[in-house]
Amino acid sequence: MQLKDEWRRRIEKWMRVLVKDIYRPLAPIEFSGYTTFDRLDYDRAVTGDFKPLHTGDRWGREWEYLWARAAITIPEAADGKRVVMRLN
């Protein structure tokens, strides 16, 4: 189904409002990772050469895999609350 421009703008606005008014950032998440064209199993992938990933890093060429990891600490301010991760 093709969205008309008016509905697309409404949805985009609603998404901005949701992010601004409902979701509250707790802390940045620092990822590290690497890309490969090899189809790795988990045991082999976790031994790869992980390096810091940054916003805007490009990956995703045809048949390219990204292996990423992060250590996350949930702050006390979020104790007892629902926590979601927003990846964009």
PDB file of N, CA and C in Angstrom:
ATOM      1  N   MET A   1       0.842  -1.178   0.000  1.00  0.00           N
ATOM      2  CA  MET A   1       0.000   0.000   0.000  1.00  0.00           C
ATOM      3  C   MET A   1       0.888   1.241   0.000  1.00  0.00           C
ATOM      4  N   GLN A   2       0.624   2.139  -0.902  1.00  0.00           N
ATOM      5  CA  GLN A   2       1.379   3.378  -1.030  1.00  0.00           C
ATOM      6  C   GLN A   2       0.778   4.426  -0.086  1.00  0.00           C
ATOM      7  N   LEU A   3       1.606   5.059   0.735  1.00  0.00           N
ATOM      8  CA  LEU A   3       1.121   6.115   1.620  1.00  0.00           C
ATOM      9  C   LEU A   3       1.112   7.438   0.879  1.00  0.00           C
ATOM     10  N   LYS A   4       0.041   8.164   1.062  1.00  0.00           N
ATOM     11  CA  LYS A   4       0.008   9.508   0.500  1.00  0.00           C
ATOM     12  C   LYS A   4       0.901  10.405   1.345  1.00  0.00           C
ATOM     13  N   ASP A   5       1.408  11.476   0.731  1.00  0.00           N
ATOM     14  CA  ASP A   5       2.338  12.365   1.424  1.00  0.00           C
ATOM     15  C   ASP A   5       1.784  12.880   2.741  1.00  0.00           C
ATOM     16  N   GLU A   6       0.502  13.210   2.778  1.00  0.00           N
ATOM     17  CA  GLU A   6      -0.100  13.724   4.013  1.00  0.00           C
ATOM     18  C   GLU A   6       0.032  12.702   5.140  1.00  0.00           C
ATOM     19  N   TRP A   7      -0.266  11.449   4.873  1.00  0.00           N
ATOM     20  CA  TRP A   7      -0.180  10.406   5.905  1.00  0.00           C
ATOM     21  C   TRP A   7       1.261  10.132   6.287  1.00  0.00           C
ATOM     22  N   ARG A   8       2.151  10.184   5.328  1.00  0.00           N
ATOM     23  CA  ARG A   8       3.572   9.976   5.628  1.00  0.00           C
ATOM     24  C   ARG A   8       4.060  11.068   6.587  1.00  0.00           C
ATOM     25  N   ARG A   9       3.669  12.328   6.317  1.00  0.00           N
ATOM     26  CA  ARG A   9       4.069  13.429   7.203  1.00  0.00           C
ATOM     27  C   ARG A   9       3.469  13.249   8.599  1.00  0.00           C
ATOM     28  N   ARG A  10       2.216  12.815   8.669  1.00  0.00           N
ATOM     29  CA  ARG A  10       1.581  12.591   9.979  1.00  0.00           C
ATOM     30  C   ARG A  10       2.319  11.514  10.773  1.00  0.00           C
ATOM     31  N   ILE A  11       2.661  10.431  10.114  1.00  0.00           N
ATOM     32  CA  ILE A  11       3.370   9.344  10.788  1.00  0.00           C
ATOM     33  C   ILE A  11       4.748   9.808  11.241  1.00  0.00           C
ATOM     34  N   GLU A  12       5.460  10.528  10.379  1.00  0.00           N
ATOM     35  CA  GLU A  12       6.786  11.032  10.748  1.00  0.00           C
ATOM     36  C   GLU A  12       6.698  11.973  11.949  1.00  0.00           C
ATOM     37  N   LYS A  13       5.686  12.826  11.973  1.00  0.00           N
ATOM     38  CA  LYS A  13       5.508  13.733  13.109  1.00  0.00           C
ATOM     39  C   LYS A  13       5.209  12.946  14.380  1.00  0.00           C
ATOM     40  N   TRP A  14       4.334  11.956  14.272  1.00  0.00           N
ATOM     41  CA  TRP A  14       3.983  11.132  15.432  1.00  0.00           C
ATOM     42  C   TRP A  14       5.218  10.422  15.975  1.00  0.00           C
ATOM     43  N   MET A  15       6.081   9.941  15.097  1.00  0.00           N
ATOM     44  CA  MET A  15       7.303   9.274  15.537  1.00  0.00           C
ATOM     45  C   MET A  15       8.216  10.252  16.281  1.00  0.00           C
ATOM     46  N   ARG A  16       8.326  11.482  15.787  1.00  0.00           N
ATOM     47  CA  ARG A  16       9.143  12.484  16.481  1.00  0.00           C
ATOM     48  C   ARG A  16       8.570  12.791  17.858  1.00  0.00           C
ATOM     49  N   VAL A  17       7.252  12.915  17.951  1.00  0.00           N
ATOM     50  CA  VAL A  17       6.606  13.194  19.233  1.00  0.00           C
ATOM     51  C   VAL A  17       6.836  12.040  20.202  1.00  0.00           C
ATOM     52  N   LEU A  18       6.681  10.821  19.720  1.00  0.00           N
ATOM     53  CA  LEU A  18       6.918   9.650  20.574  1.00  0.00           C
ATOM     54  C   LEU A  18       8.322   9.682  21.163  1.00  0.00           C
ATOM     55  N   VAL A  19       9.291   9.891  20.322  1.00  0.00           N
ATOM     56  CA  VAL A  19      10.678   9.890  20.777  1.00  0.00           C
ATOM     57  C   VAL A  19      10.910  11.018  21.771  1.00  0.00           C
ATOM     58  N   LYS A  20      10.363  12.185  21.487  1.00  0.00           N
ATOM     59  CA  LYS A  20      10.598  13.355  22.341  1.00  0.00           C
ATOM     60  C   LYS A  20       9.840  13.285  23.662  1.00  0.00           C
ATOM     61  N   ASP A  21       8.574  12.877  23.630  1.00  0.00           N
ATOM     62  CA  ASP A  21       7.716  12.985  24.800  1.00  0.00           C
ATOM     63  C   ASP A  21       7.566  11.702  25.614  1.00  0.00           C
ATOM     64  N   ILE A  22       7.847  10.567  25.036  1.00  0.00           N
ATOM     65  CA  ILE A  22       7.613   9.314  25.754  1.00  0.00           C
ATOM     66  C   ILE A  22       8.918   8.628  26.120  1.00  0.00           C
ATOM     67  N   TYR A  23       9.816   8.501  25.169  1.00  0.00           N
ATOM     68  CA  TYR A  23      11.081   7.825  25.438  1.00  0.00           C
ATOM     69  C   TYR A  23      12.092   8.814  25.979  1.00  0.00           C
ATOM     70  N   ARG A  24      12.725   8.448  27.060  1.00  0.00           N
ATOM     71  CA  ARG A  24      13.731   9.293  27.693  1.00  0.00           C
ATOM     72  C   ARG A  24      15.102   8.629  27.577  1.00  0.00           C
ATOM     73  N   PRO A  25      16.078   9.316  27.011  1.00  0.00           N
ATOM     74  CA  PRO A  25      17.411   8.719  26.919  1.00  0.00           C
ATOM     75  C   PRO A  25      17.997   8.495  28.310  1.00  0.00           C
ATOM     76  N   LEU A  26      18.594   7.341  28.508  1.00  0.00           N
ATOM     77  CA  LEU A  26      19.261   7.053  29.780  1.00  0.00           C
ATOM     78  C   LEU A  26      20.761   7.255  29.669  1.00  0.00           C
ATOM     79  N   ALA A  27      21.324   6.746  28.599  1.00  0.00           N
ATOM     80  CA  ALA A  27      22.767   6.851  28.395  1.00  0.00           C
ATOM     81  C   ALA A  27      23.076   6.408  26.973  1.00  0.00           C
ATOM     82  N   PRO A  28      24.161   6.910  26.415  1.00  0.00           N
ATOM     83  CA  PRO A  28      24.549   6.411  25.092  1.00  0.00           C
ATOM     84  C   PRO A  28      25.053   4.976  25.209  1.00  0.00           C
ATOM     85  N   ILE A  29      24.957   4.243  24.130  1.00  0.00           N
ATOM     86  CA  ILE A  29      25.482   2.878  24.081  1.00  0.00           C
ATOM     87  C   ILE A  29      26.648   2.886  23.113  1.00  0.00           C
ATOM     88  N   GLU A  30      27.789   2.451  23.587  1.00  0.00           N
ATOM     89  CA  GLU A  30      28.983   2.420  22.750  1.00  0.00           C
ATOM     90  C   GLU A  30      29.170   1.005  22.209  1.00  0.00           C
ATOM     91  N   PHE A  31      29.067   0.898  20.885  1.00  0.00           N
ATOM     92  CA  PHE A  31      29.213  -0.390  20.217  1.00  0.00           C
ATOM     93  C   PHE A  31      30.609  -0.546  19.657  1.00  0.00           C
ATOM     94  N   SER A  32      31.050  -1.781  19.592  1.00  0.00           N
ATOM     95  CA  SER A  32      32.242  -2.126  18.829  1.00  0.00           C
ATOM     96  C   SER A  32      31.841  -3.239  17.876  1.00  0.00           C
ATOM     97  N   GLY A  33      32.606  -3.396  16.817  1.00  0.00           N
ATOM     98  CA  GLY A  33      32.239  -4.426  15.871  1.00  0.00           C
ATOM     99  C   GLY A  33      33.196  -4.518  14.709  1.00  0.00           C
ATOM    100  N   TYR A  34      32.845  -5.378  13.773  1.00  0.00           N
ATOM    101  CA  TYR A  34      33.624  -5.521  12.553  1.00  0.00           C
ATOM    102  C   TYR A  34      32.734  -6.109  11.468  1.00  0.00           C
ATOM    103  N   THR A  35      33.144  -5.932  10.232  1.00  0.00           N
ATOM    104  CA  THR A  35      32.399  -6.493   9.113  1.00  0.00           C
ATOM    105  C   THR A  35      33.217  -7.603   8.470  1.00  0.00           C
ATOM    106  N   THR A  36      32.497  -8.505   7.843  1.00  0.00           N
ATOM    107  CA  THR A  36      33.135  -9.604   7.136  1.00  0.00           C
ATOM    108  C   THR A  36      32.198 -10.106   6.044  1.00  0.00           C
ATOM    109  N   PHE A  37      32.780 -10.678   5.042  1.00  0.00           N
ATOM    110  CA  PHE A  37      31.981 -11.337   4.018  1.00  0.00           C
ATOM    111  C   PHE A  37      31.895 -12.837   4.284  1.00  0.00           C
ATOM    112  N   ASP A  38      32.608 -13.284   5.318  1.00  0.00           N
ATOM    113  CA  ASP A  38      32.561 -14.693   5.701  1.00  0.00           C
ATOM    114  C   ASP A  38      31.330 -14.962   6.550  1.00  0.00           C
ATOM    115  N   ARG A  39      30.707 -16.087   6.313  1.00  0.00           N
ATOM    116  CA  ARG A  39      29.541 -16.491   7.111  1.00  0.00           C
ATOM    117  C   ARG A  39      30.068 -17.256   8.315  1.00  0.00           C
ATOM    118  N   LEU A  40      30.142 -16.565   9.456  1.00  0.00           N
ATOM    119  CA  LEU A  40      30.776 -17.119  10.650  1.00  0.00           C
ATOM    120  C   LEU A  40      29.745 -17.677  11.615  1.00  0.00           C
ATOM    121  N   ASP A  41      30.137 -18.716  12.351  1.00  0.00           N
ATOM    122  CA  ASP A  41      29.288 -19.144  13.460  1.00  0.00           C
ATOM    123  C   ASP A  41      29.655 -18.280  14.673  1.00  0.00           C
ATOM    124  N   TYR A  42      28.843 -18.344  15.707  1.00  0.00           N
ATOM    125  CA  TYR A  42      29.012 -17.468  16.864  1.00  0.00           C
ATOM    126  C   TYR A  42      30.394 -17.621  17.493  1.00  0.00           C
ATOM    127  N   ASP A  43      30.820 -18.862  17.707  1.00  0.00           N
ATOM    128  CA  ASP A  43      32.102 -19.086  18.385  1.00  0.00           C
ATOM    129  C   ASP A  43      33.265 -18.440  17.644  1.00  0.00           C
ATOM    130  N   ARG A  44      33.220 -18.463  16.341  1.00  0.00           N
ATOM    131  CA  ARG A  44      34.290 -17.839  15.559  1.00  0.00           C
ATOM    132  C   ARG A  44      34.111 -16.316  15.506  1.00  0.00           C
ATOM    133  N   ALA A  45      32.878 -15.871  15.392  1.00  0.00           N
ATOM    134  CA  ALA A  45      32.610 -14.431  15.261  1.00  0.00           C
ATOM    135  C   ALA A  45      33.059 -13.654  16.487  1.00  0.00           C
ATOM    136  N   VAL A  46      32.865 -14.196  17.672  1.00  0.00           N
ATOM    137  CA  VAL A  46      33.212 -13.445  18.886  1.00  0.00           C
ATOM    138  C   VAL A  46      34.711 -13.291  19.083  1.00  0.00           C
ATOM    139  N   THR A  47      35.516 -13.977  18.270  1.00  0.00           N
ATOM    140  CA  THR A  47      36.966 -13.827  18.368  1.00  0.00           C
ATOM    141  C   THR A  47      37.501 -12.820  17.351  1.00  0.00           C
ATOM    142  N   GLY A  48      36.602 -12.149  16.631  1.00  0.00           N
ATOM    143  CA  GLY A  48      37.003 -11.199  15.596  1.00  0.00           C
ATOM    144  C   GLY A  48      37.672  -9.952  16.150  1.00  0.00           C
ATOM    145  N   ASP A  49      38.125  -9.112  15.258  1.00  0.00           N
ATOM    146  CA  ASP A  49      38.837  -7.878  15.597  1.00  0.00           C
ATOM    147  C   ASP A  49      37.831  -6.738  15.792  1.00  0.00           C
ATOM    148  N   PHE A  50      37.222  -6.669  16.964  1.00  0.00           N
ATOM    149  CA  PHE A  50      36.216  -5.651  17.271  1.00  0.00           C
ATOM    150  C   PHE A  50      36.893  -4.296  17.472  1.00  0.00           C
ATOM    151  N   LYS A  51      36.351  -3.277  16.801  1.00  0.00           N
ATOM    152  CA  LYS A  51      36.836  -1.900  16.934  1.00  0.00           C
ATOM    153  C   LYS A  51      35.635  -0.998  17.180  1.00  0.00           C
ATOM    154  N   PRO A  52      35.829   0.178  17.791  1.00  0.00           N
ATOM    155  CA  PRO A  52      34.699   1.065  18.066  1.00  0.00           C
ATOM    156  C   PRO A  52      33.898   1.390  16.800  1.00  0.00           C
ATOM    157  N   LEU A  53      32.565   1.374  16.919  1.00  0.00           N
ATOM    158  CA  LEU A  53      31.668   1.780  15.844  1.00  0.00           C
ATOM    159  C   LEU A  53      31.153   3.174  16.155  1.00  0.00           C
ATOM    160  N   HIS A  54      30.969   3.960  15.121  1.00  0.00           N
ATOM    161  CA  HIS A  54      30.511   5.336  15.304  1.00  0.00           C
ATOM    162  C   HIS A  54      29.263   5.592  14.473  1.00  0.00           C
ATOM    163  N   THR A  55      28.456   6.534  14.911  1.00  0.00           N
ATOM    164  CA  THR A  55      27.297   6.941  14.133  1.00  0.00           C
ATOM    165  C   THR A  55      27.765   7.354  12.748  1.00  0.00           C
ATOM    166  N   GLY A  56      27.114   6.817  11.746  1.00  0.00           N
ATOM    167  CA  GLY A  56      27.464   7.150  10.373  1.00  0.00           C
ATOM    168  C   GLY A  56      28.408   6.163   9.715  1.00  0.00           C
ATOM    169  N   ASP A  57      29.001   5.247  10.506  1.00  0.00           N
ATOM    170  CA  ASP A  57      29.839   4.217   9.883  1.00  0.00           C
ATOM    171  C   ASP A  57      28.993   3.451   8.879  1.00  0.00           C
ATOM    172  N   ARG A  58      29.566   3.177   7.725  1.00  0.00           N
ATOM    173  CA  ARG A  58      28.809   2.511   6.668  1.00  0.00           C
ATOM    174  C   ARG A  58      29.155   1.032   6.623  1.00  0.00           C
ATOM    175  N   TRP A  59      28.125   0.242   6.427  1.00  0.00           N
ATOM    176  CA  TRP A  59      28.286  -1.191   6.233  1.00  0.00           C
ATOM    177  C   TRP A  59      27.017  -1.682   5.551  1.00  0.00           C
ATOM    178  N   GLY A  60      27.026  -2.924   5.131  1.00  0.00           N
ATOM    179  CA  GLY A  60      25.819  -3.488   4.550  1.00  0.00           C
ATOM    180  C   GLY A  60      25.891  -3.715   3.057  1.00  0.00           C
ATOM    181  N   ARG A  61      27.111  -3.806   2.523  1.00  0.00           N
ATOM    182  CA  ARG A  61      27.208  -4.172   1.107  1.00  0.00           C
ATOM    183  C   ARG A  61      26.627  -5.574   0.938  1.00  0.00           C
ATOM    184  N   GLU A  62      26.351  -5.939  -0.271  1.00  0.00           N
ATOM    185  CA  GLU A  62      25.745  -7.236  -0.539  1.00  0.00           C
ATOM    186  C   GLU A  62      26.598  -8.352   0.067  1.00  0.00           C
ATOM    187  N   TRP A  63      25.963  -9.182   0.871  1.00  0.00           N
ATOM    188  CA  TRP A  63      26.567 -10.334   1.554  1.00  0.00           C
ATOM    189  C   TRP A  63      27.590  -9.944   2.613  1.00  0.00           C
ATOM    190  N   GLU A  64      27.534  -8.705   3.083  1.00  0.00           N
ATOM    191  CA  GLU A  64      28.439  -8.269   4.151  1.00  0.00           C
ATOM    192  C   GLU A  64      27.727  -8.402   5.487  1.00  0.00           C
ATOM    193  N   TYR A  65      28.400  -8.969   6.446  1.00  0.00           N
ATOM    194  CA  TYR A  65      27.852  -9.161   7.788  1.00  0.00           C
ATOM    195  C   TYR A  65      28.517  -8.195   8.755  1.00  0.00           C
ATOM    196  N   LEU A  66      27.741  -7.687   9.701  1.00  0.00           N
ATOM    197  CA  LEU A  66      28.281  -6.865  10.782  1.00  0.00           C
ATOM    198  C   LEU A  66      28.101  -7.633  12.081  1.00  0.00           C
ATOM    199  N   TRP A  67      29.181  -7.830  12.783  1.00  0.00           N
ATOM    200  CA  TRP A  67      29.127  -8.399  14.122  1.00  0.00           C
ATOM    201  C   TRP A  67      29.386  -7.257  15.084  1.00  0.00           C
ATOM    202  N   ALA A  68      28.446  -7.011  15.991  1.00  0.00           N
ATOM    203  CA  ALA A  68      28.554  -5.886  16.920  1.00  0.00           C
ATOM    204  C   ALA A  68      28.297  -6.359  18.340  1.00  0.00           C
ATOM    205  N   ARG A  69      28.864  -5.633  19.279  1.00  0.00           N
ATOM    206  CA  ARG A  69      28.631  -5.929  20.695  1.00  0.00           C
ATOM    207  C   ARG A  69      28.720  -4.637  21.498  1.00  0.00           C
ATOM    208  N   ALA A  70      28.129  -4.669  22.681  1.00  0.00           N
ATOM    209  CA  ALA A  70      28.155  -3.522  23.583  1.00  0.00           C
ATOM    210  C   ALA A  70      27.937  -4.022  25.004  1.00  0.00           C
ATOM    211  N   ALA A  71      28.517  -3.328  25.945  1.00  0.00           N
ATOM    212  CA  ALA A  71      28.248  -3.580  27.363  1.00  0.00           C
ATOM    213  C   ALA A  71      27.288  -2.494  27.827  1.00  0.00           C
ATOM    214  N   ILE A  72      26.193  -2.895  28.438  1.00  0.00           N
ATOM    215  CA  ILE A  72      25.160  -1.937  28.840  1.00  0.00           C
ATOM    216  C   ILE A  72      24.936  -2.038  30.338  1.00  0.00           C
ATOM    217  N   THR A  73      24.949  -0.895  31.007  1.00  0.00           N
ATOM    218  CA  THR A  73      24.626  -0.826  32.429  1.00  0.00           C
ATOM    219  C   THR A  73      23.349  -0.004  32.565  1.00  0.00           C
ATOM    220  N   ILE A  74      22.331  -0.598  33.142  1.00  0.00           N
ATOM    221  CA  ILE A  74      21.066   0.113  33.345  1.00  0.00           C
ATOM    222  C   ILE A  74      21.202   0.971  34.610  1.00  0.00           C
ATOM    223  N   PRO A  75      21.028   2.291  34.495  1.00  0.00           N
ATOM    224  CA  PRO A  75      21.185   3.169  35.667  1.00  0.00           C
ATOM    225  C   PRO A  75      20.073   2.957  36.687  1.00  0.00           C
ATOM    226  N   GLU A  76      20.363   3.299  37.921  1.00  0.00           N
ATOM    227  CA  GLU A  76      19.376   3.155  38.991  1.00  0.00           C
ATOM    228  C   GLU A  76      18.096   3.936  38.710  1.00  0.00           C
ATOM    229  N   ALA A  77      18.200   5.027  37.971  1.00  0.00           N
ATOM    230  CA  ALA A  77      17.025   5.841  37.643  1.00  0.00           C
ATOM    231  C   ALA A  77      15.986   5.037  36.867  1.00  0.00           C
ATOM    232  N   ALA A  78      16.400   3.957  36.250  1.00  0.00           N
ATOM    233  CA  ALA A  78      15.479   3.138  35.452  1.00  0.00           C
ATOM    234  C   ALA A  78      14.979   1.920  36.218  1.00  0.00           C
ATOM    235  N   ASP A  79      15.343   1.800  37.480  1.00  0.00           N
ATOM    236  CA  ASP A  79      14.938   0.637  38.276  1.00  0.00           C
ATOM    237  C   ASP A  79      13.418   0.502  38.304  1.00  0.00           C
ATOM    238  N   GLY A  80      12.924  -0.653  37.924  1.00  0.00           N
ATOM    239  CA  GLY A  80      11.493  -0.919  37.931  1.00  0.00           C
ATOM    240  C   GLY A  80      10.740  -0.378  36.729  1.00  0.00           C
ATOM    241  N   LYS A  81      11.439   0.232  35.790  1.00  0.00           N
ATOM    242  CA  LYS A  81      10.790   0.805  34.613  1.00  0.00           C
ATOM    243  C   LYS A  81      11.100  -0.035  33.382  1.00  0.00           C
ATOM    244  N   ARG A  82      10.239   0.058  32.381  1.00  0.00           N
ATOM    245  CA  ARG A  82      10.476  -0.619  31.117  1.00  0.00           C
ATOM    246  C   ARG A  82      11.591   0.118  30.383  1.00  0.00           C
ATOM    247  N   VAL A  83      12.543  -0.638  29.881  1.00  0.00           N
ATOM    248  CA  VAL A  83      13.680  -0.065  29.157  1.00  0.00           C
ATOM    249  C   VAL A  83      13.664  -0.622  27.741  1.00  0.00           C
ATOM    250  N   VAL A  84      13.809   0.271  26.763  1.00  0.00           N
ATOM    251  CA  VAL A  84      13.893  -0.133  25.362  1.00  0.00           C
ATOM    252  C   VAL A  84      15.157   0.464  24.763  1.00  0.00           C
ATOM    253  N   MET A  85      15.655  -0.189  23.719  1.00  0.00           N
ATOM    254  CA  MET A  85      16.819   0.324  23.016  1.00  0.00           C
ATOM    255  C   MET A  85      16.366   0.838  21.669  1.00  0.00           C
ATOM    256  N   ARG A  86      16.717   2.056  21.364  1.00  0.00           N
ATOM    257  CA  ARG A  86      16.353   2.652  20.062  1.00  0.00           C
ATOM    258  C   ARG A  86      17.594   2.654  19.177  1.00  0.00           C
ATOM    259  N   LEU A  87      17.573   1.811  18.176  1.00  0.00           N
ATOM    260  CA  LEU A  87      18.681   1.737  17.237  1.00  0.00           C
ATOM    261  C   LEU A  87      18.280   2.436  15.965  1.00  0.00           C
ATOM    262  N   ASN A  88      19.051   3.370  15.534  1.00  0.00           N
ATOM    263  CA  ASN A  88      18.768   4.049  14.267  1.00  0.00           C
ATOM    264  C   ASN A  88      20.027   4.391  13.551  1.00  0.00           C
TER     265      ASN A  88
END
